[in-house]
């Protein structure tokens, strides 16, 4: 038996009770279970499908977050109570109840008296999480590894009263909570995430870096893409974040826990140096960001457009490609990278990129060939046969002959 201090509310069909529970009371003896662990809402075959929707990596990330982050916080778990005999006991507020020396009026007292109380769970109930199943499983794992600390943490729970005779309504609530709950993603997630080192560094770059912090440094795009008729923005927040992850070369687990400030400073320095290097190799990009008109690199205008594609240097995929080949150079080879990359023609309609990056629109295939081809051009990939065979195949697909025109720059 457990007694929980609650507030009671009603929203249409649903009565709900908001409370807090210690993690130990939630997970011990599986007091609250997932929908797929229950036999109440769905049949076994449906539960098997729902079980496959449970993401092991997400559970691990939540477990690490709960265990390792002092500033941990979780949203409420919405749970349905079925079976058993849960008891609700209202707590009456005295008619002369005062706040800040002022007596609360009768109408307010009447409203409040129906809202405060104690929910008593006898232990015979079946309680399943309608929303927050990954959080629940993350709490279980964290509790298993560190019961003394994690068990004392308090988590917000929102109970709804589930009636077996109206399974359709509970199933619909489960669907609504999971279908229409919009999770932060793209640029919004990068803006909000305080644990992901790449996101933290991305925000710092666009607020502090000499070029990226300028008005035209990044677009207002929520995704990695920039409109082809946007000839003012240089990159996007999502692209800068992706570039960071290429540069940092960390596993996905690294981004689930906030590193120390010293580590973040080192990562920022690494990312800032990459962009400084790119702008040193192509100072014309600074002119572009500054809004200058008719900017050219190697006598080719740089822009972003539908007809010719413009410059790969202004495409998010180009920024990620640059980061990939930049990683192949040692710190002592920075000037070598600058000298070599500056010789490459990044015009998408040039022989370097036609049919591999551009054919009247951007092409997303042949990722390995693209990466190795630029590395080959600047002397960091030596399998010329792979490059020429790949390009021969691509040209044959367009009924054209490849003439081995992909060559290395001078170095």
Protein backbone atom coordinates (compact mmCIF):
# COMPACT_ATOMS: atom_id res chain seq x y z
CA UNK A 1 0.00 0.00 0.00
CA UNK A 2 1.20 3.49 -0.85
CA UNK A 3 -0.36 6.90 -0.16
CA UNK A 4 0.25 9.63 -2.73
CA UNK A 5 -0.46 13.35 -2.34
CA UNK A 6 -2.40 14.36 -5.45
CA UNK A 7 -4.28 17.06 -7.23
CA UNK A 8 -7.41 15.91 -9.04
CA UNK A 9 -8.68 17.27 -12.35
CA UNK A 10 -11.12 16.50 -15.11
CA UNK A 11 -10.80 17.02 -18.85
CA UNK A 12 -13.86 15.85 -20.73
CA UNK A 13 -14.15 12.09 -20.36
CA UNK A 14 -11.01 11.73 -18.25
CA UNK A 15 -10.49 12.13 -14.52
CA UNK A 16 -6.80 12.42 -13.73
CA UNK A 17 -4.62 12.58 -10.64
CA UNK A 18 -1.25 14.32 -10.62
CA UNK A 19 1.36 13.21 -8.10
CA UNK A 20 5.03 12.43 -7.53
CA UNK A 21 6.47 9.01 -6.77
CA UNK A 22 9.90 7.82 -5.75
CA UNK A 23 11.58 5.82 -8.49
CA UNK A 24 11.83 2.85 -6.13
CA UNK A 25 8.03 2.84 -5.74
CA UNK A 26 7.56 3.04 -9.50
CA UNK A 27 9.89 0.26 -10.60
CA UNK A 28 9.99 -2.14 -7.66
CA UNK A 29 7.93 -5.23 -8.45
CA UNK A 30 7.07 -3.53 -11.76
CA UNK A 31 4.37 -1.41 -10.11
CA UNK A 32 4.07 0.51 -13.39
CA UNK A 33 4.54 -1.44 -16.62
CA UNK A 34 4.62 -0.64 -20.34
CA UNK A 35 1.59 -1.09 -22.57
CA UNK A 36 3.27 -4.03 -24.31
CA UNK A 37 3.81 -5.73 -20.91
CA UNK A 38 0.10 -5.42 -20.17
CA UNK A 39 -2.57 -7.75 -21.54
CA UNK A 40 -5.25 -5.12 -21.06
CA UNK A 41 -5.17 -2.85 -24.11
CA UNK A 42 -3.95 -5.04 -26.96
CA UNK A 43 -3.61 -8.67 -28.00
CA UNK A 44 -0.31 -10.56 -27.83
CA UNK A 45 0.50 -10.06 -31.50
CA UNK A 46 -0.08 -6.30 -31.27
CA UNK A 47 1.99 -6.16 -28.08
CA UNK A 48 4.82 -7.91 -29.91
CA UNK A 49 4.81 -5.13 -32.50
CA UNK A 50 4.70 -2.45 -29.79
CA UNK A 51 7.63 -4.13 -28.06
CA UNK A 52 9.68 -3.75 -31.25
CA UNK A 53 8.92 -0.02 -31.12
CA UNK A 54 10.89 0.17 -27.87
CA UNK A 55 14.34 1.55 -28.78
CA UNK A 56 17.18 -0.05 -26.78
CA UNK A 57 19.58 2.80 -27.55
CA UNK A 58 17.07 5.36 -26.31
CA UNK A 59 16.62 3.44 -23.06
CA UNK A 60 20.39 3.31 -22.59
CA UNK A 61 20.70 7.03 -23.25
CA UNK A 62 17.95 7.80 -20.73
CA UNK A 63 19.56 5.48 -18.18
CA UNK A 64 22.87 7.31 -18.54
CA UNK A 65 21.13 10.68 -18.33
CA UNK A 66 19.29 9.70 -15.14
CA UNK A 67 22.39 8.18 -13.56
CA UNK A 68 25.05 10.69 -14.59
CA UNK A 69 23.39 14.10 -14.87
CA UNK A 70 22.93 16.14 -11.70
CA UNK A 71 20.50 18.48 -13.48
CA UNK A 72 18.34 15.54 -14.62
CA UNK A 73 14.67 16.20 -15.22
CA UNK A 74 11.92 14.09 -16.76
CA UNK A 75 8.47 15.00 -17.99
CA UNK A 76 5.43 13.38 -16.41
CA UNK A 77 4.69 9.74 -17.12
CA UNK A 78 1.01 9.29 -18.00
CA UNK A 79 -0.27 6.01 -16.56
CA UNK A 80 -3.63 4.23 -16.59
CA UNK A 81 -4.85 2.44 -13.45
CA UNK A 82 -6.68 -0.84 -14.01
CA UNK A 83 -8.02 -3.44 -11.58
CA UNK A 84 -7.47 -3.28 -7.83
CA UNK A 85 -9.19 -0.79 -5.54
CA UNK A 86 -7.41 2.58 -5.64
CA UNK A 87 -8.96 4.96 -3.11
CA UNK A 88 -9.26 8.75 -3.43
CA UNK A 89 -9.62 10.74 -0.20
CA UNK A 90 -10.25 14.47 -0.47
CA UNK A 91 -8.57 16.86 1.94
CA UNK A 92 -10.83 19.68 3.10
CA UNK A 93 -9.43 23.16 3.38
CA UNK A 94 -10.52 25.18 6.40
CA UNK A 95 -13.03 27.93 5.65
CA UNK A 96 -10.66 30.47 7.21
CA UNK A 97 -7.66 29.42 5.14
CA UNK A 98 -5.33 32.37 4.59
CA UNK A 99 -2.60 33.13 2.06
CA UNK A 100 -0.32 36.10 2.70
CA UNK A 101 -2.69 37.22 5.46
CA UNK A 102 -5.73 37.21 3.16
CA UNK A 103 -8.62 34.79 3.66
CA UNK A 104 -9.51 32.79 0.54
CA UNK A 105 -13.09 33.41 -0.61
CA UNK A 106 -15.76 30.70 -0.44
CA UNK A 107 -15.91 30.01 -4.19
CA UNK A 108 -12.16 29.42 -4.29
CA UNK A 109 -12.35 27.21 -1.19
CA UNK A 110 -15.11 25.16 -2.84
CA UNK A 111 -13.00 24.68 -5.98
CA UNK A 112 -9.85 23.83 -4.02
CA UNK A 113 -11.62 21.30 -1.80
CA UNK A 114 -12.36 19.14 -4.85
CA UNK A 115 -8.76 19.25 -6.05
CA UNK A 116 -6.53 18.18 -3.16
CA UNK A 117 -6.38 14.71 -1.70
CA UNK A 118 -4.60 11.41 -1.18
CA UNK A 119 -4.63 8.59 -3.72
CA UNK A 120 -4.08 5.23 -2.05
CA UNK A 121 -2.83 2.32 -4.14
CA UNK A 122 -3.37 -1.06 -2.50
CA UNK A 123 -0.80 -2.92 -4.61
CA UNK A 124 -3.30 -5.07 -6.49
CA UNK A 125 -3.72 -2.56 -9.34
CA UNK A 126 -2.31 -3.02 -12.80
CA UNK A 127 -0.81 0.29 -13.90
CA UNK A 128 0.56 0.78 -17.41
CA UNK A 129 2.31 3.79 -18.93
CA UNK A 130 0.39 5.37 -21.80
CA UNK A 131 3.08 8.00 -22.37
CA UNK A 132 6.68 7.77 -21.17
CA UNK A 133 7.46 4.11 -21.79
CA UNK A 134 11.11 4.77 -22.65
CA UNK A 135 11.42 6.96 -19.55
CA UNK A 136 9.97 4.16 -17.45
CA UNK A 137 12.38 1.57 -18.84
CA UNK A 138 15.29 4.00 -18.47
CA UNK A 139 14.35 4.47 -14.81
CA UNK A 140 14.26 0.70 -14.31
CA UNK A 141 17.77 0.26 -15.71
CA UNK A 142 19.17 3.20 -13.75
CA UNK A 143 17.55 1.87 -10.55
CA UNK A 144 18.97 -1.61 -11.13
CA UNK A 145 22.50 -0.20 -11.36
CA UNK A 146 22.25 2.33 -8.53
CA UNK A 147 19.17 1.71 -6.36
CA UNK A 148 20.28 3.78 -3.36
CA UNK A 149 20.61 7.03 -5.32
CA UNK A 150 18.14 6.57 -8.17
CA UNK A 151 15.51 5.01 -5.93
CA UNK A 152 15.13 8.24 -3.94
CA UNK A 153 14.56 10.44 -7.01
CA UNK A 154 11.02 11.74 -7.40
CA UNK A 155 9.22 11.59 -10.74
CA UNK A 156 5.96 13.23 -11.78
CA UNK A 157 3.15 10.78 -12.57
CA UNK A 158 -0.24 11.58 -14.07
CA UNK A 159 -2.76 8.81 -13.39
CA UNK A 160 -5.90 8.42 -15.50
CA UNK A 161 -8.73 6.14 -14.44
CA UNK A 162 -9.10 3.36 -16.99
CA UNK A 163 -12.36 1.43 -17.36
CA UNK A 164 -12.19 -2.07 -18.83
CA UNK A 165 -15.61 -1.55 -20.42
CA UNK A 166 -14.25 1.38 -22.46
CA UNK A 167 -10.99 0.02 -23.83
CA UNK A 168 -11.53 2.01 -27.01
CA UNK A 169 -11.17 5.29 -25.14
CA UNK A 170 -7.95 4.22 -23.42
CA UNK A 171 -6.51 2.94 -26.69
CA UNK A 172 -7.42 6.25 -28.31
CA UNK A 173 -5.71 8.16 -25.50
CA UNK A 174 -2.58 6.02 -25.94
CA UNK A 175 -2.64 6.79 -29.67
CA UNK A 176 -3.18 10.53 -29.21
CA UNK A 177 -0.40 10.86 -26.64
CA UNK A 178 2.09 9.09 -28.90
CA UNK A 179 0.88 10.28 -32.31
CA UNK A 180 0.41 13.97 -31.69
CA UNK A 181 3.14 14.65 -29.12
CA UNK A 182 5.64 16.54 -31.27
CA UNK A 183 9.22 15.97 -30.17
CA UNK A 184 11.80 18.72 -30.76
CA UNK A 185 13.88 17.97 -33.85
CA UNK A 186 16.28 19.59 -36.26
CA UNK A 187 17.32 23.12 -35.38
CA UNK A 188 14.89 23.28 -32.45
CA UNK A 189 16.51 20.29 -30.76
CA UNK A 190 19.99 21.76 -31.31
CA UNK A 191 18.84 25.03 -29.73
CA UNK A 192 17.37 23.27 -26.67
CA UNK A 193 19.82 20.42 -25.97
CA UNK A 194 22.09 21.12 -22.98
CA UNK A 195 23.79 17.71 -22.93
CA UNK A 196 24.77 17.13 -26.57
CA UNK A 197 28.28 18.57 -26.97
CA UNK A 198 27.83 19.06 -30.72
CA UNK A 199 24.67 21.10 -30.14
CA UNK A 200 26.30 23.20 -27.41
CA UNK A 201 29.28 23.96 -29.66
CA UNK A 202 26.95 24.69 -32.60
CA UNK A 203 25.13 27.35 -30.60
CA UNK A 204 28.43 28.87 -29.51
CA UNK A 205 29.70 28.97 -33.10
CA UNK A 206 26.67 30.85 -34.39
CA UNK A 207 26.81 33.34 -31.52
CA UNK A 208 30.58 33.87 -31.18
CA UNK A 209 32.46 32.82 -34.33
CA UNK A 210 33.65 35.82 -36.34
CA UNK A 211 31.89 34.74 -39.56
CA UNK A 212 29.16 32.30 -38.56
CA UNK A 213 27.70 34.78 -36.05
CA UNK A 214 27.05 37.36 -38.78
CA UNK A 215 23.43 37.87 -39.95
CA UNK A 216 24.08 35.85 -43.13
CA UNK A 217 26.19 33.22 -41.36
CA UNK A 218 23.27 30.82 -41.03
CA UNK A 219 19.77 30.72 -42.49
CA UNK A 220 16.60 30.42 -40.44
CA UNK A 221 16.03 26.94 -41.88
CA UNK A 222 14.89 24.33 -39.36
CA UNK A 223 16.54 21.57 -41.40
CA UNK A 224 19.91 21.11 -43.09
CA UNK A 225 18.62 22.45 -46.39
CA UNK A 226 18.77 25.99 -47.72
CA UNK A 227 16.41 27.15 -50.44
CA UNK A 228 18.09 27.26 -53.86
CA UNK A 229 17.00 30.89 -54.28
CA UNK A 230 18.55 31.92 -50.96
CA UNK A 231 21.68 33.75 -52.07
CA UNK A 232 22.46 35.39 -48.75
CA UNK A 233 22.81 32.59 -46.17
CA UNK A 234 26.01 30.60 -45.91
CA UNK A 235 24.94 27.52 -43.92
CA UNK A 236 22.36 26.16 -41.46
CA UNK A 237 22.44 25.34 -37.77
CA UNK A 238 21.66 21.69 -38.54
CA UNK A 239 24.60 21.52 -40.98
CA UNK A 240 27.01 23.11 -38.51
CA UNK A 241 25.90 20.54 -35.94
CA UNK A 242 26.49 17.71 -38.44
CA UNK A 243 29.94 19.12 -39.25
CA UNK A 244 30.76 19.15 -35.53
CA UNK A 245 29.94 15.46 -35.23
CA UNK A 246 32.20 14.69 -38.20
CA UNK A 247 35.04 16.70 -36.68
CA UNK A 248 34.68 15.32 -33.15
CA UNK A 249 34.64 11.65 -34.22
CA UNK A 250 32.73 10.50 -31.12
CA UNK A 251 30.24 7.67 -30.62
CA UNK A 252 26.55 8.48 -30.26
CA UNK A 253 26.75 7.68 -26.54
CA UNK A 254 29.13 10.63 -26.05
CA UNK A 255 26.36 13.08 -26.94
CA UNK A 256 23.95 11.88 -24.23
CA UNK A 257 25.86 13.37 -21.27
CA UNK A 258 27.16 16.93 -21.01
CA UNK A 259 30.98 17.00 -20.91
CA UNK A 260 33.02 19.23 -18.62
CA UNK A 261 33.55 22.86 -19.59
CA UNK A 262 37.18 22.06 -20.38
CA UNK A 263 36.13 19.39 -22.89
CA UNK A 264 33.54 21.72 -24.42
CA UNK A 265 36.16 24.46 -24.79
CA UNK A 266 38.50 22.04 -26.57
CA UNK A 267 35.73 20.90 -28.91
CA UNK A 268 34.79 24.49 -29.69
CA UNK A 269 38.42 25.29 -30.50
CA UNK A 270 38.54 22.29 -32.87
CA UNK A 271 35.33 23.34 -34.65
CA UNK A 272 36.30 27.02 -34.82
CA UNK A 273 39.69 26.12 -36.29
CA UNK A 274 37.99 24.13 -39.05
CA UNK A 275 35.82 27.07 -40.07
CA UNK A 276 38.75 29.49 -39.76
CA UNK A 277 40.67 27.20 -42.11
CA UNK A 278 37.85 27.11 -44.66
CA UNK A 279 37.53 30.90 -44.62
CA UNK A 280 41.30 31.24 -44.96
CA UNK A 281 41.28 28.92 -47.98
CA UNK A 282 38.29 30.74 -49.49
CA UNK A 283 38.24 34.35 -48.21
CA UNK A 284 35.64 35.05 -50.88
CA UNK A 285 33.13 33.22 -48.66
CA UNK A 286 33.53 36.04 -46.13
CA UNK A 287 32.66 38.51 -48.87
CA UNK A 288 29.57 36.40 -49.65
CA UNK A 289 28.49 36.39 -45.99
CA UNK A 290 29.05 40.14 -45.85
CA UNK A 291 26.55 40.56 -48.66
CA UNK A 292 28.92 41.61 -51.43
CA UNK A 293 27.58 41.12 -54.94
CA UNK A 294 29.16 39.14 -57.81
CA UNK A 295 31.68 37.33 -55.63
CA UNK A 296 33.93 34.96 -57.60
CA UNK A 297 36.29 32.12 -56.76
CA UNK A 298 38.78 31.23 -59.49
CA UNK A 299 36.82 33.46 -61.89
CA UNK A 300 33.59 31.54 -61.22
CA UNK A 301 30.68 33.32 -59.56
CA UNK A 302 29.63 31.67 -56.30
CA UNK A 303 25.92 31.39 -55.69
CA UNK A 304 23.19 28.84 -55.10
CA UNK A 305 20.66 28.32 -57.89
CA UNK A 306 18.55 25.76 -59.75
CA UNK A 307 19.99 26.02 -63.27
CA UNK A 308 23.68 25.29 -62.71
CA UNK A 309 23.66 24.35 -59.04
CA UNK A 310 26.05 27.12 -58.11
CA UNK A 311 28.91 26.36 -55.76
CA UNK A 312 29.28 23.23 -53.64
CA UNK A 313 30.90 25.54 -51.07
CA UNK A 314 27.44 26.98 -50.40
CA UNK A 315 25.70 23.62 -50.05
CA UNK A 316 25.27 21.82 -46.69
CA UNK A 317 26.55 18.60 -48.29
CA UNK A 318 29.64 20.51 -49.36
CA UNK A 319 30.33 21.66 -45.81
CA UNK A 320 30.09 18.09 -44.55
CA UNK A 321 32.34 16.90 -47.38
CA UNK A 322 34.94 19.52 -46.45
CA UNK A 323 34.86 18.39 -42.81
CA UNK A 324 35.31 14.76 -43.85
CA UNK A 325 38.46 15.40 -45.89
CA UNK A 326 39.76 17.95 -43.36
CA UNK A 327 39.86 15.12 -40.81
CA UNK A 328 42.43 13.33 -42.98
CA UNK A 329 45.02 16.04 -42.34
CA UNK A 330 47.14 16.23 -39.20
CA UNK A 331 47.23 19.44 -37.18
CA UNK A 332 50.68 20.18 -38.60
CA UNK A 333 49.28 19.91 -42.15
CA UNK A 334 46.79 22.75 -41.86
CA UNK A 335 48.56 24.90 -44.44
CA UNK A 336 48.79 21.92 -46.80
CA UNK A 337 45.01 21.53 -46.56
CA UNK A 338 44.51 25.22 -47.34
CA UNK A 339 46.90 25.21 -50.29
CA UNK A 340 45.34 22.09 -51.82
CA UNK A 341 41.64 22.65 -51.20
CA UNK A 342 41.87 26.17 -52.64
CA UNK A 343 42.83 24.67 -56.02
CA UNK A 344 39.68 22.54 -56.33
CA UNK A 345 36.88 23.77 -58.59
CA UNK A 346 33.69 23.51 -56.52
CA UNK A 347 31.31 24.70 -59.23
CA UNK A 348 28.62 22.00 -59.36
CA UNK A 349 28.41 22.19 -63.16
CA UNK A 350 32.14 21.63 -63.55
CA UNK A 351 33.50 18.27 -64.77
CA UNK A 352 34.49 17.47 -61.18
CA UNK A 353 30.91 17.17 -59.95
CA UNK A 354 28.59 16.69 -62.92
CA UNK A 355 26.65 13.41 -62.64
CA UNK A 356 28.04 12.75 -59.17
CA UNK A 357 26.68 15.77 -57.28
CA UNK A 358 24.68 17.57 -59.94
CA UNK A 359 22.48 16.74 -62.92
CA UNK A 360 19.92 19.54 -63.09
CA UNK A 361 19.35 18.85 -59.39
CA UNK A 362 21.38 17.63 -56.43
CA UNK A 363 22.21 13.90 -56.42
CA UNK A 364 22.31 12.08 -53.11
CA UNK A 365 23.90 8.76 -54.08
CA UNK A 366 27.52 7.54 -54.34
CA UNK A 367 28.54 8.85 -50.90
CA UNK A 368 31.74 6.79 -50.69
CA UNK A 369 32.87 7.82 -54.16
CA UNK A 370 32.18 11.50 -53.41
CA UNK A 371 34.18 11.43 -50.20
CA UNK A 372 37.09 9.52 -51.71
CA UNK A 373 37.12 11.60 -54.87
CA UNK A 374 37.76 14.89 -53.07
CA UNK A 375 40.31 13.17 -50.83
CA UNK A 376 42.01 11.86 -53.99
CA UNK A 377 42.11 15.33 -55.53
CA UNK A 378 43.98 16.74 -52.53
CA UNK A 379 46.33 13.80 -52.02
CA UNK A 380 44.68 11.94 -49.14
CA UNK A 381 43.37 8.94 -51.06
CA UNK A 382 45.59 6.95 -53.41
CA UNK A 383 43.33 4.37 -55.07
CA UNK A 384 43.02 6.05 -58.46
CA UNK A 385 41.46 2.91 -59.96
CA UNK A 386 38.51 3.12 -57.56
CA UNK A 387 37.90 6.73 -58.58
CA UNK A 388 38.20 6.18 -62.32
CA UNK A 389 36.18 2.95 -62.33
CA UNK A 390 33.42 4.62 -60.34
CA UNK A 391 33.32 7.63 -62.63
CA UNK A 392 33.39 5.41 -65.73
CA UNK A 393 30.35 3.53 -64.42
CA UNK A 394 28.48 6.76 -63.69
CA UNK A 395 29.22 8.26 -67.10
CA UNK A 396 28.15 5.03 -68.82
CA UNK A 397 24.82 5.30 -66.99
CA UNK A 398 24.40 8.64 -68.79
CA UNK A 399 25.56 7.24 -72.14
CA UNK A 400 28.73 9.30 -72.04
CA UNK A 401 32.42 8.50 -71.93
CA UNK A 402 34.57 9.36 -68.94
CA UNK A 403 37.99 10.65 -69.99
CA UNK A 404 39.87 10.30 -66.68
CA UNK A 405 39.55 14.03 -66.07
CA UNK A 406 39.49 13.72 -62.26
CA UNK A 407 43.03 14.71 -61.34
CA UNK A 408 45.00 15.62 -58.27
CA UNK A 409 45.88 19.24 -57.56
CA UNK A 410 49.48 20.38 -57.28
CA UNK A 411 51.24 19.68 -54.00
